[in-house]
Amino acid sequence: PLLEVRDLVKHYRLPRERLFAPVPLVRAVQGMSFSLAAGCSLGVVGES
């Protein structure tokens, strides 16, 4: 494959609501894996 995505994860840290509260995370990408061959097209769909 030209492109390989393996177990991709992306978390974003949010501001604490209180001083000693744990840092909240937004889990934007949760373990995505796929591949794309040269000359081919892959569509990615989903709501906002």
ModelCIF file with pLDDT and N, C-alpha, C, O atoms, coordinates in Angstrom:
data_MODEL
#
_entry.id   MODEL 
#
_entity.id                         1 
_entity.type                       polymer 
_entity.pdbx_number_of_molecules   1 
#
_entity_poly.entity_id                      1 
_entity_poly.type                           'polypeptide(L)' 
_entity_poly.nstd_linkage                   no 
_entity_poly.nstd_monomer                   no 
_entity_poly.pdbx_seq_one_letter_code       PLLEVRDLVKHYRLPRERLFAPVPLVRAVQGMSFSLAAGCSLGVVGES 
_entity_poly.pdbx_seq_one_letter_code_can   PLLEVRDLVKHYRLPRERLFAPVPLVRAVQGMSFSLAAGCSLGVVGES 
_entity_poly.pdbx_strand_id                 A 
#
loop_
_entity_poly_seq.entity_id 
_entity_poly_seq.num 
_entity_poly_seq.mon_id 
_entity_poly_seq.hetero 
1 1  PRO n 
1 2  LEU n 
1 3  LEU n 
1 4  GLU n 
1 5  VAL n 
1 6  ARG n 
1 7  ASP n 
1 8  LEU n 
1 9  VAL n 
1 10 LYS n 
1 11 HIS n 
1 12 TYR n 
1 13 ARG n 
1 14 LEU n 
1 15 PRO n 
1 16 ARG n 
1 17 GLU n 
1 18 ARG n 
1 19 LEU n 
1 20 PHE n 
1 21 ALA n 
1 22 PRO n 
1 23 VAL n 
1 24 PRO n 
1 25 LEU n 
1 26 VAL n 
1 27 ARG n 
1 28 ALA n 
1 29 VAL n 
1 30 GLN n 
1 31 GLY n 
1 32 MET n 
1 33 SER n 
1 34 PHE n 
1 35 SER n 
1 36 LEU n 
1 37 ALA n 
1 38 ALA n 
1 39 GLY n 
1 40 CYS n 
1 41 SER n 
1 42 LEU n 
1 43 GLY n 
1 44 VAL n 
1 45 VAL n 
1 46 GLY n 
1 47 GLU n 
1 48 SER n 
#
_struct_asym.id          A 
_struct_asym.entity_id   1 
#
loop_
_ma_qa_metric.id 
_ma_qa_metric.mode 
_ma_qa_metric.name 
_ma_qa_metric.software_group_id 
_ma_qa_metric.type 
1 global pLDDT . pLDDT 
2 local  pLDDT . pLDDT 
#
_ma_qa_metric_global.metric_id      1 
_ma_qa_metric_global.metric_value   92.40 
_ma_qa_metric_global.model_id       1 
_ma_qa_metric_global.ordinal_id     1 
#
loop_
_ma_qa_metric_local.label_asym_id 
_ma_qa_metric_local.label_comp_id 
_ma_qa_metric_local.label_seq_id 
_ma_qa_metric_local.metric_id 
_ma_qa_metric_local.metric_value 
_ma_qa_metric_local.model_id 
_ma_qa_metric_local.ordinal_id 
A PRO 1  2 92.00 1 1  
A LEU 2  2 95.00 1 2  
A LEU 3  2 97.00 1 3  
A GLU 4  2 97.00 1 4  
A VAL 5  2 97.00 1 5  
A ARG 6  2 97.00 1 6  
A ASP 7  2 96.00 1 7  
A LEU 8  2 97.00 1 8  
A VAL 9  2 97.00 1 9  
A LYS 10 2 96.00 1 10 
A HIS 11 2 95.00 1 11 
A TYR 12 2 94.00 1 12 
A ARG 13 2 91.00 1 13 
A LEU 14 2 89.00 1 14 
A PRO 15 2 88.00 1 15 
A ARG 16 2 85.00 1 16 
A GLU 17 2 83.00 1 17 
A ARG 18 2 85.00 1 18 
A LEU 19 2 83.00 1 19 
A PHE 20 2 84.00 1 20 
A ALA 21 2 85.00 1 21 
A PRO 22 2 85.00 1 22 
A VAL 23 2 84.00 1 23 
A PRO 24 2 87.00 1 24 
A LEU 25 2 88.00 1 25 
A VAL 26 2 91.00 1 26 
A ARG 27 2 92.00 1 27 
A ALA 28 2 94.00 1 28 
A VAL 29 2 96.00 1 29 
A GLN 30 2 94.00 1 30 
A GLY 31 2 94.00 1 31 
A MET 32 2 96.00 1 32 
A SER 33 2 96.00 1 33 
A PHE 34 2 96.00 1 34 
A SER 35 2 96.00 1 35 
A LEU 36 2 96.00 1 36 
A ALA 37 2 95.00 1 37 
A ALA 38 2 94.00 1 38 
A GLY 39 2 93.00 1 39 
A CYS 40 2 95.00 1 40 
A SER 41 2 96.00 1 41 
A LEU 42 2 97.00 1 42 
A GLY 43 2 96.00 1 43 
A VAL 44 2 96.00 1 44 
A VAL 45 2 95.00 1 45 
A GLY 46 2 92.00 1 46 
A GLU 47 2 90.00 1 47 
A SER 48 2 88.00 1 48 
#
loop_
_atom_site.group_PDB 
_atom_site.id 
_atom_site.type_symbol 
_atom_site.label_atom_id 
_atom_site.label_alt_id 
_atom_site.label_comp_id 
_atom_site.label_asym_id 
_atom_site.label_entity_id 
_atom_site.label_seq_id 
_atom_site.pdbx_PDB_ins_code 
_atom_site.Cartn_x 
_atom_site.Cartn_y 
_atom_site.Cartn_z 
_atom_site.occupancy 
_atom_site.B_iso_or_equiv 
_atom_site.pdbx_formal_charge 
_atom_site.auth_seq_id 
_atom_site.auth_comp_id 
_atom_site.auth_asym_id 
_atom_site.auth_atom_id 
_atom_site.pdbx_PDB_model_num 
ATOM 1   N N  . PRO A 1 1  ? 0.829   -1.211 0.000  1.00 92.00 ? 1  PRO A N  1 
ATOM 2   C CA . PRO A 1 1  ? 0.000   0.000  0.000  1.00 92.00 ? 1  PRO A CA 1 
ATOM 3   C C  . PRO A 1 1  ? 0.860   1.256  0.000  1.00 92.00 ? 1  PRO A C  1 
ATOM 4   O O  . PRO A 1 1  ? 1.942   1.284  0.585  1.00 92.00 ? 1  PRO A O  1 
ATOM 5   N N  . LEU A 1 2  ? 0.362   2.289  -0.663 1.00 95.00 ? 2  LEU A N  1 
ATOM 6   C CA . LEU A 1 2  ? 1.046   3.577  -0.621 1.00 95.00 ? 2  LEU A CA 1 
ATOM 7   C C  . LEU A 1 2  ? 0.920   4.200  0.760  1.00 95.00 ? 2  LEU A C  1 
ATOM 8   O O  . LEU A 1 2  ? 1.897   4.708  1.311  1.00 95.00 ? 2  LEU A O  1 
ATOM 9   N N  . LEU A 1 3  ? -0.286  4.161  1.319  1.00 97.00 ? 3  LEU A N  1 
ATOM 10  C CA . LEU A 1 3  ? -0.567  4.747  2.629  1.00 97.00 ? 3  LEU A CA 1 
ATOM 11  C C  . LEU A 1 3  ? -1.061  3.666  3.566  1.00 97.00 ? 3  LEU A C  1 
ATOM 12  O O  . LEU A 1 3  ? -1.974  2.913  3.228  1.00 97.00 ? 3  LEU A O  1 
ATOM 13  N N  . GLU A 1 4  ? -0.459  3.587  4.743  1.00 97.00 ? 4  GLU A N  1 
ATOM 14  C CA . GLU A 1 4  ? -0.904  2.662  5.784  1.00 97.00 ? 4  GLU A CA 1 
ATOM 15  C C  . GLU A 1 4  ? -1.115  3.442  7.082  1.00 97.00 ? 4  GLU A C  1 
ATOM 16  O O  . GLU A 1 4  ? -0.211  4.120  7.569  1.00 97.00 ? 4  GLU A O  1 
ATOM 17  N N  . VAL A 1 5  ? -2.300  3.334  7.618  1.00 97.00 ? 5  VAL A N  1 
ATOM 18  C CA . VAL A 1 5  ? -2.620  3.929  8.916  1.00 97.00 ? 5  VAL A CA 1 
ATOM 19  C C  . VAL A 1 5  ? -2.826  2.784  9.891  1.00 97.00 ? 5  VAL A C  1 
ATOM 20  O O  . VAL A 1 5  ? -3.680  1.922  9.684  1.00 97.00 ? 5  VAL A O  1 
ATOM 21  N N  . ARG A 1 6  ? -2.030  2.783  10.961 1.00 97.00 ? 6  ARG A N  1 
ATOM 22  C CA . ARG A 1 6  ? -2.036  1.657  11.895 1.00 97.00 ? 6  ARG A CA 1 
ATOM 23  C C  . ARG A 1 6  ? -2.359  2.133  13.307 1.00 97.00 ? 6  ARG A C  1 
ATOM 24  O O  . ARG A 1 6  ? -1.606  2.905  13.900 1.00 97.00 ? 6  ARG A O  1 
ATOM 25  N N  . ASP A 1 7  ? -3.482  1.667  13.837 1.00 96.00 ? 7  ASP A N  1 
ATOM 26  C CA . ASP A 1 7  ? -3.857  1.891  15.241 1.00 96.00 ? 7  ASP A CA 1 
ATOM 27  C C  . ASP A 1 7  ? -3.695  3.360  15.645 1.00 96.00 ? 7  ASP A C  1 
ATOM 28  O O  . ASP A 1 7  ? -3.126  3.663  16.694 1.00 96.00 ? 7  ASP A O  1 
ATOM 29  N N  . LEU A 1 8  ? -4.190  4.250  14.820 1.00 97.00 ? 8  LEU A N  1 
ATOM 30  C CA . LEU A 1 8  ? -3.983  5.680  15.020 1.00 97.00 ? 8  LEU A CA 1 
ATOM 31  C C  . LEU A 1 8  ? -4.901  6.214  16.122 1.00 97.00 ? 8  LEU A C  1 
ATOM 32  O O  . LEU A 1 8  ? -6.103  5.951  16.134 1.00 97.00 ? 8  LEU A O  1 
ATOM 33  N N  . VAL A 1 9  ? -4.305  6.965  17.039 1.00 97.00 ? 9  VAL A N  1 
ATOM 34  C CA . VAL A 1 9  ? -5.032  7.528  18.180 1.00 97.00 ? 9  VAL A CA 1 
ATOM 35  C C  . VAL A 1 9  ? -4.645  8.994  18.314 1.00 97.00 ? 9  VAL A C  1 
ATOM 36  O O  . VAL A 1 9  ? -3.473  9.349  18.187 1.00 97.00 ? 9  VAL A O  1 
ATOM 37  N N  . LYS A 1 10 ? -5.636  9.844  18.573 1.00 96.00 ? 10 LYS A N  1 
ATOM 38  C CA . LYS A 1 10 ? -5.360  11.252 18.863 1.00 96.00 ? 10 LYS A CA 1 
ATOM 39  C C  . LYS A 1 10 ? -6.290  11.728 19.966 1.00 96.00 ? 10 LYS A C  1 
ATOM 40  O O  . LYS A 1 10 ? -7.513  11.698 19.828 1.00 96.00 ? 10 LYS A O  1 
ATOM 41  N N  . HIS A 1 11 ? -5.676  12.175 21.078 1.00 95.00 ? 11 HIS A N  1 
ATOM 42  C CA . HIS A 1 11 ? -6.421  12.748 22.202 1.00 95.00 ? 11 HIS A CA 1 
ATOM 43  C C  . HIS A 1 11 ? -6.026  14.218 22.349 1.00 95.00 ? 11 HIS A C  1 
ATOM 44  O O  . HIS A 1 11 ? -4.867  14.583 22.155 1.00 95.00 ? 11 HIS A O  1 
ATOM 45  N N  . TYR A 1 12 ? -6.994  15.043 22.689 1.00 94.00 ? 12 TYR A N  1 
ATOM 46  C CA . TYR A 1 12 ? -6.747  16.458 22.959 1.00 94.00 ? 12 TYR A CA 1 
ATOM 47  C C  . TYR A 1 12 ? -7.035  16.739 24.433 1.00 94.00 ? 12 TYR A C  1 
ATOM 48  O O  . TYR A 1 12 ? -8.055  16.306 24.970 1.00 94.00 ? 12 TYR A O  1 
ATOM 49  N N  . ARG A 1 13 ? -6.139  17.458 25.068 1.00 91.00 ? 13 ARG A N  1 
ATOM 50  C CA . ARG A 1 13 ? -6.335  17.851 26.461 1.00 91.00 ? 13 ARG A CA 1 
ATOM 51  C C  . ARG A 1 13 ? -7.187  19.125 26.530 1.00 91.00 ? 13 ARG A C  1 
ATOM 52  O O  . ARG A 1 13 ? -6.981  20.071 25.769 1.00 91.00 ? 13 ARG A O  1 
ATOM 53  N N  . LEU A 1 14 ? -8.134  19.123 27.450 1.00 89.00 ? 14 LEU A N  1 
ATOM 54  C CA . LEU A 1 14 ? -8.984  20.285 27.679 1.00 89.00 ? 14 LEU A CA 1 
ATOM 55  C C  . LEU A 1 14 ? -8.572  20.975 28.981 1.00 89.00 ? 14 LEU A C  1 
ATOM 56  O O  . LEU A 1 14 ? -7.941  20.355 29.837 1.00 89.00 ? 14 LEU A O  1 
ATOM 57  N N  . PRO A 1 15 ? -8.923  22.250 29.135 1.00 88.00 ? 15 PRO A N  1 
ATOM 58  C CA . PRO A 1 15 ? -8.610  22.934 30.408 1.00 88.00 ? 15 PRO A CA 1 
ATOM 59  C C  . PRO A 1 15 ? -9.342  22.278 31.573 1.00 88.00 ? 15 PRO A C  1 
ATOM 60  O O  . PRO A 1 15 ? -10.471 21.808 31.429 1.00 88.00 ? 15 PRO A O  1 
ATOM 61  N N  . ARG A 1 16 ? -8.683  22.254 32.722 1.00 85.00 ? 16 ARG A N  1 
ATOM 62  C CA . ARG A 1 16 ? -9.326  21.737 33.943 1.00 85.00 ? 16 ARG A CA 1 
ATOM 63  C C  . ARG A 1 16 ? -10.497 22.615 34.342 1.00 85.00 ? 16 ARG A C  1 
ATOM 64  O O  . ARG A 1 16 ? -10.442 23.838 34.213 1.00 85.00 ? 16 ARG A O  1 
ATOM 65  N N  . GLU A 1 17 ? -11.550 21.986 34.826 1.00 83.00 ? 17 GLU A N  1 
ATOM 66  C CA . GLU A 1 17 ? -12.691 22.736 35.337 1.00 83.00 ? 17 GLU A CA 1 
ATOM 67  C C  . GLU A 1 17 ? -12.404 23.284 36.734 1.00 83.00 ? 17 GLU A C  1 
ATOM 68  O O  . GLU A 1 17 ? -12.917 24.336 37.114 1.00 83.00 ? 17 GLU A O  1 
ATOM 69  N N  . ARG A 1 18 ? -11.576 22.559 37.494 1.00 85.00 ? 18 ARG A N  1 
ATOM 70  C CA . ARG A 1 18 ? -11.166 22.993 38.833 1.00 85.00 ? 18 ARG A CA 1 
ATOM 71  C C  . ARG A 1 18 ? -9.662  22.801 38.955 1.00 85.00 ? 18 ARG A C  1 
ATOM 72  O O  . ARG A 1 18 ? -9.065  22.061 38.174 1.00 85.00 ? 18 ARG A O  1 
ATOM 73  N N  . LEU A 1 19 ? -9.054  23.455 39.918 1.00 83.00 ? 19 LEU A N  1 
ATOM 74  C CA . LEU A 1 19 ? -7.601  23.486 40.039 1.00 83.00 ? 19 LEU A CA 1 
ATOM 75  C C  . LEU A 1 19 ? -6.998  22.090 40.132 1.00 83.00 ? 19 LEU A C  1 
ATOM 76  O O  . LEU A 1 19 ? -6.024  21.795 39.439 1.00 83.00 ? 19 LEU A O  1 
ATOM 77  N N  . PHE A 1 20 ? -7.552  21.235 40.968 1.00 84.00 ? 20 PHE A N  1 
ATOM 78  C CA . PHE A 1 20 ? -6.958  19.921 41.199 1.00 84.00 ? 20 PHE A CA 1 
ATOM 79  C C  . PHE A 1 20 ? -7.741  18.793 40.516 1.00 84.00 ? 20 PHE A C  1 
ATOM 80  O O  . PHE A 1 20 ? -7.526  17.617 40.808 1.00 84.00 ? 20 PHE A O  1 
ATOM 81  N N  . ALA A 1 21 ? -8.624  19.152 39.632 1.00 85.00 ? 21 ALA A N  1 
ATOM 82  C CA . ALA A 1 21 ? -9.380  18.140 38.895 1.00 85.00 ? 21 ALA A CA 1 
ATOM 83  C C  . ALA A 1 21 ? -8.482  17.481 37.849 1.00 85.00 ? 21 ALA A C  1 
ATOM 84  O O  . ALA A 1 21 ? -7.531  18.107 37.382 1.00 85.00 ? 21 ALA A O  1 
ATOM 85  N N  . PRO A 1 22 ? -8.762  16.227 37.469 1.00 85.00 ? 22 PRO A N  1 
ATOM 86  C CA . PRO A 1 22 ? -7.972  15.589 36.410 1.00 85.00 ? 22 PRO A CA 1 
ATOM 87  C C  . PRO A 1 22 ? -8.162  16.314 35.078 1.00 85.00 ? 22 PRO A C  1 
ATOM 88  O O  . PRO A 1 22 ? -9.208  16.912 34.826 1.00 85.00 ? 22 PRO A O  1 
ATOM 89  N N  . VAL A 1 23 ? -7.154  16.250 34.248 1.00 84.00 ? 23 VAL A N  1 
ATOM 90  C CA . VAL A 1 23 ? -7.217  16.902 32.937 1.00 84.00 ? 23 VAL A CA 1 
ATOM 91  C C  . VAL A 1 23 ? -8.151  16.103 32.029 1.00 84.00 ? 23 VAL A C  1 
ATOM 92  O O  . VAL A 1 23 ? -7.870  14.937 31.754 1.00 84.00 ? 23 VAL A O  1 
ATOM 93  N N  . PRO A 1 24 ? -9.248  16.689 31.555 1.00 87.00 ? 24 PRO A N  1 
ATOM 94  C CA . PRO A 1 24 ? -10.152 15.952 30.659 1.00 87.00 ? 24 PRO A CA 1 
ATOM 95  C C  . PRO A 1 24 ? -9.550  15.811 29.267 1.00 87.00 ? 24 PRO A C  1 
ATOM 96  O O  . PRO A 1 24 ? -8.782  16.663 28.819 1.00 87.00 ? 24 PRO A O  1 
ATOM 97  N N  . LEU A 1 25 ? -9.906  14.733 28.596 1.00 88.00 ? 25 LEU A N  1 
ATOM 98  C CA . LEU A 1 25 ? -9.420  14.456 27.249 1.00 88.00 ? 25 LEU A CA 1 
ATOM 99  C C  . LEU A 1 25 ? -10.588 14.362 26.283 1.00 88.00 ? 25 LEU A C  1 
ATOM 100 O O  . LEU A 1 25 ? -11.652 13.854 26.637 1.00 88.00 ? 25 LEU A O  1 
ATOM 101 N N  . VAL A 1 26 ? -10.394 14.844 25.078 1.00 91.00 ? 26 VAL A N  1 
ATOM 102 C CA . VAL A 1 26 ? -11.303 14.566 23.969 1.00 91.00 ? 26 VAL A CA 1 
ATOM 103 C C  . VAL A 1 26 ? -10.639 13.507 23.108 1.00 91.00 ? 26 VAL A C  1 
ATOM 104 O O  . VAL A 1 26 ? -9.535  13.711 22.602 1.00 91.00 ? 26 VAL A O  1 
ATOM 105 N N  . ARG A 1 27 ? -11.301 12.397 22.945 1.00 92.00 ? 27 ARG A N  1 
ATOM 106 C CA . ARG A 1 27 ? -10.767 11.301 22.134 1.00 92.00 ? 27 ARG A CA 1 
ATOM 107 C C  . ARG A 1 27 ? -11.261 11.473 20.700 1.00 92.00 ? 27 ARG A C  1 
ATOM 108 O O  . ARG A 1 27 ? -12.331 10.982 20.344 1.00 92.00 ? 27 ARG A O  1 
ATOM 109 N N  . ALA A 1 28 ? -10.488 12.163 19.892 1.00 94.00 ? 28 ALA A N  1 
ATOM 110 C CA . ALA A 1 28 ? -10.914 12.500 18.532 1.00 94.00 ? 28 ALA A CA 1 
ATOM 111 C C  . ALA A 1 28 ? -10.747 11.333 17.568 1.00 94.00 ? 28 ALA A C  1 
ATOM 112 O O  . ALA A 1 28 ? -11.582 11.132 16.686 1.00 94.00 ? 28 ALA A O  1 
ATOM 113 N N  . VAL A 1 29 ? -9.677  10.566 17.729 1.00 96.00 ? 29 VAL A N  1 
ATOM 114 C CA . VAL A 1 29 ? -9.410  9.397  16.883 1.00 96.00 ? 29 VAL A CA 1 
ATOM 115 C C  . VAL A 1 29 ? -9.068  8.247  17.812 1.00 96.00 ? 29 VAL A C  1 
ATOM 116 O O  . VAL A 1 29 ? -8.221  8.373  18.697 1.00 96.00 ? 29 VAL A O  1 
ATOM 117 N N  . GLN A 1 30 ? -9.755  7.098  17.591 1.00 94.00 ? 30 GLN A N  1 
ATOM 118 C CA . GLN A 1 30 ? -9.655  5.986  18.526 1.00 94.00 ? 30 GLN A CA 1 
ATOM 119 C C  . GLN A 1 30 ? -9.242  4.703  17.810 1.00 94.00 ? 30 GLN A C  1 
ATOM 120 O O  . GLN A 1 30 ? -10.085 3.847  17.544 1.00 94.00 ? 30 GLN A O  1 
ATOM 121 N N  . GLY A 1 31 ? -7.972  4.563  17.499 1.00 94.00 ? 31 GLY A N  1 
ATOM 122 C CA . GLY A 1 31 ? -7.471  3.284  16.986 1.00 94.00 ? 31 GLY A CA 1 
ATOM 123 C C  . GLY A 1 31 ? -7.875  2.969  15.563 1.00 94.00 ? 31 GLY A C  1 
ATOM 124 O O  . GLY A 1 31 ? -8.287  1.844  15.283 1.00 94.00 ? 31 GLY A O  1 
ATOM 125 N N  . MET A 1 32 ? -7.770  3.928  14.651 1.00 96.00 ? 32 MET A N  1 
ATOM 126 C CA . MET A 1 32 ? -8.113  3.688  13.239 1.00 96.00 ? 32 MET A CA 1 
ATOM 127 C C  . MET A 1 32 ? -6.980  2.965  12.525 1.00 96.00 ? 32 MET A C  1 
ATOM 128 O O  . MET A 1 32 ? -5.803  3.241  12.758 1.00 96.00 ? 32 MET A O  1 
ATOM 129 N N  . SER A 1 33 ? -7.360  2.023  11.642 1.00 96.00 ? 33 SER A N  1 
ATOM 130 C CA . SER A 1 33 ? -6.402  1.321  10.796 1.00 96.00 ? 33 SER A CA 1 
ATOM 131 C C  . SER A 1 33 ? -7.023  1.125  9.415  1.00 96.00 ? 33 SER A C  1 
ATOM 132 O O  . SER A 1 33 ? -8.160  0.670  9.295  1.00 96.00 ? 33 SER A O  1 
ATOM 133 N N  . PHE A 1 34 ? -6.267  1.472  8.377  1.00 96.00 ? 34 PHE A N  1 
ATOM 134 C CA . PHE A 1 34 ? -6.694  1.217  6.999  1.00 96.00 ? 34 PHE A CA 1 
ATOM 135 C C  . PHE A 1 34 ? -5.490  1.401  6.097  1.00 96.00 ? 34 PHE A C  1 
ATOM 136 O O  . PHE A 1 34 ? -4.443  1.871  6.545  1.00 96.00 ? 34 PHE A O  1 
ATOM 137 N N  . SER A 1 35 ? -5.628  1.034  4.826  1.00 96.00 ? 35 SER A N  1 
ATOM 138 C CA . SER A 1 35 ? -4.560  1.217  3.853  1.00 96.00 ? 35 SER A CA 1 
ATOM 139 C C  . SER A 1 35 ? -5.150  1.724  2.548  1.00 96.00 ? 35 SER A C  1 
ATOM 140 O O  . SER A 1 35 ? -6.344  1.572  2.287  1.00 96.00 ? 35 SER A O  1 
ATOM 141 N N  . LEU A 1 36 ? -4.296  2.329  1.734  1.00 96.00 ? 36 LEU A N  1 
ATOM 142 C CA . LEU A 1 36 ? -4.714  2.894  0.452  1.00 96.00 ? 36 LEU A CA 1 
ATOM 143 C C  . LEU A 1 36 ? -3.628  2.613  -0.567 1.00 96.00 ? 36 LEU A C  1 
ATOM 144 O O  . LEU A 1 36 ? -2.471  2.983  -0.369 1.00 96.00 ? 36 LEU A O  1 
ATOM 145 N N  . ALA A 1 37 ? -3.999  1.958  -1.658 1.00 95.00 ? 37 ALA A N  1 
ATOM 146 C CA . ALA A 1 37 ? -3.042  1.615  -2.701 1.00 95.00 ? 37 ALA A CA 1 
ATOM 147 C C  . ALA A 1 37 ? -2.832  2.788  -3.648 1.00 95.00 ? 37 ALA A C  1 
ATOM 148 O O  . ALA A 1 37 ? -3.691  3.662  -3.769 1.00 95.00 ? 37 ALA A O  1 
ATOM 149 N N  . ALA A 1 38 ? -1.701  2.800  -4.309 1.00 94.00 ? 38 ALA A N  1 
ATOM 150 C CA . ALA A 1 38 ? -1.407  3.843  -5.296 1.00 94.00 ? 38 ALA A CA 1 
ATOM 151 C C  . ALA A 1 38 ? -2.463  3.826  -6.391 1.00 94.00 ? 38 ALA A C  1 
ATOM 152 O O  . ALA A 1 38 ? -2.864  2.764  -6.867 1.00 94.00 ? 38 ALA A O  1 
ATOM 153 N N  . GLY A 1 39 ? -2.908  5.019  -6.785 1.00 93.00 ? 39 GLY A N  1 
ATOM 154 C CA . GLY A 1 39 ? -3.888  5.133  -7.863 1.00 93.00 ? 39 GLY A CA 1 
ATOM 155 C C  . GLY A 1 39 ? -5.321  4.894  -7.457 1.00 93.00 ? 39 GLY A C  1 
ATOM 156 O O  . GLY A 1 39 ? -6.215  4.984  -8.299 1.00 93.00 ? 39 GLY A O  1 
ATOM 157 N N  . CYS A 1 40 ? -5.575  4.591  -6.191 1.00 95.00 ? 40 CYS A N  1 
ATOM 158 C CA . CYS A 1 40 ? -6.931  4.304  -5.716 1.00 95.00 ? 40 CYS A CA 1 
ATOM 159 C C  . CYS A 1 40 ? -7.452  5.465  -4.867 1.00 95.00 ? 40 CYS A C  1 
ATOM 160 O O  . CYS A 1 40 ? -6.697  6.353  -4.471 1.00 95.00 ? 40 CYS A O  1 
ATOM 161 N N  . SER A 1 41 ? -8.747  5.437  -4.600 1.00 96.00 ? 41 SER A N  1 
ATOM 162 C CA . SER A 1 41 ? -9.372  6.502  -3.820 1.00 96.00 ? 41 SER A CA 1 
ATOM 163 C C  . SER A 1 41 ? -10.159 5.897  -2.664 1.00 96.00 ? 41 SER A C  1 
ATOM 164 O O  . SER A 1 41 ? -10.883 4.915  -2.827 1.00 96.00 ? 41 SER A O  1 
ATOM 165 N N  . LEU A 1 42 ? -10.000 6.502  -1.501 1.00 97.00 ? 42 LEU A N  1 
ATOM 166 C CA . LEU A 1 42 ? -10.693 6.053  -0.295 1.00 97.00 ? 42 LEU A CA 1 
ATOM 167 C C  . LEU A 1 42 ? -11.510 7.206  0.248  1.00 97.00 ? 42 LEU A C  1 
ATOM 168 O O  . LEU A 1 42 ? -10.976 8.283  0.514  1.00 97.00 ? 42 LEU A O  1 
ATOM 169 N N  . GLY A 1 43 ? -12.808 6.985  0.415  1.00 96.00 ? 43 GLY A N  1 
ATOM 170 C CA . GLY A 1 43 ? -13.687 7.988  0.989  1.00 96.00 ? 43 GLY A CA 1 
ATOM 171 C C  . GLY A 1 43 ? -13.814 7.803  2.492  1.00 96.00 ? 43 GLY A C  1 
ATOM 172 O O  . GLY A 1 43 ? -13.904 6.679  2.985  1.00 96.00 ? 43 GLY A O  1 
ATOM 173 N N  . VAL A 1 44 ? -13.821 8.916  3.215  1.00 96.00 ? 44 VAL A N  1 
ATOM 174 C CA . VAL A 1 44 ? -13.998 8.909  4.665  1.00 96.00 ? 44 VAL A CA 1 
ATOM 175 C C  . VAL A 1 44 ? -15.229 9.747  4.972  1.00 96.00 ? 44 VAL A C  1 
ATOM 176 O O  . VAL A 1 44 ? -15.244 10.947 4.697  1.00 96.00 ? 44 VAL A O  1 
ATOM 177 N N  . VAL A 1 45 ? -16.266 9.126  5.541  1.00 95.00 ? 45 VAL A N  1 
ATOM 178 C CA . VAL A 1 45 ? -17.521 9.826  5.783  1.00 95.00 ? 45 VAL A CA 1 
ATOM 179 C C  . VAL A 1 45 ? -17.893 9.726  7.262  1.00 95.00 ? 45 VAL A C  1 
ATOM 180 O O  . VAL A 1 45 ? -17.432 8.840  7.981  1.00 95.00 ? 45 VAL A O  1 
ATOM 181 N N  . GLY A 1 46 ? -18.727 10.646 7.683  1.00 92.00 ? 46 GLY A N  1 
ATOM 182 C CA . GLY A 1 46 ? -19.206 10.695 9.056  1.00 92.00 ? 46 GLY A CA 1 
ATOM 183 C C  . GLY A 1 46 ? -19.699 12.092 9.354  1.00 92.00 ? 46 GLY A C  1 
ATOM 184 O O  . GLY A 1 46 ? -19.371 13.040 8.640  1.00 92.00 ? 46 GLY A O  1 
ATOM 185 N N  . GLU A 1 47 ? -20.485 12.225 10.406 1.00 90.00 ? 47 GLU A N  1 
ATOM 186 C CA . GLU A 1 47 ? -21.028 13.526 10.772 1.00 90.00 ? 47 GLU A CA 1 
ATOM 187 C C  . GLU A 1 47 ? -19.949 14.384 11.420 1.00 90.00 ? 47 GLU A C  1 
ATOM 188 O O  . GLU A 1 47 ? -18.842 13.908 11.674 1.00 90.00 ? 47 GLU A O  1 
ATOM 189 N N  . SER A 1 48 ? -20.263 15.630 11.684 1.00 88.00 ? 48 SER A N  1 
ATOM 190 C CA . SER A 1 48 ? -19.324 16.526 12.354 1.00 88.00 ? 48 SER A CA 1 
ATOM 191 C C  . SER A 1 48 ? -18.949 15.966 13.720 1.00 88.00 ? 48 SER A C  1 
ATOM 192 O O  . SER A 1 48 ? -18.164 16.578 14.444 1.00 88.00 ? 48 SER A O  1 
#
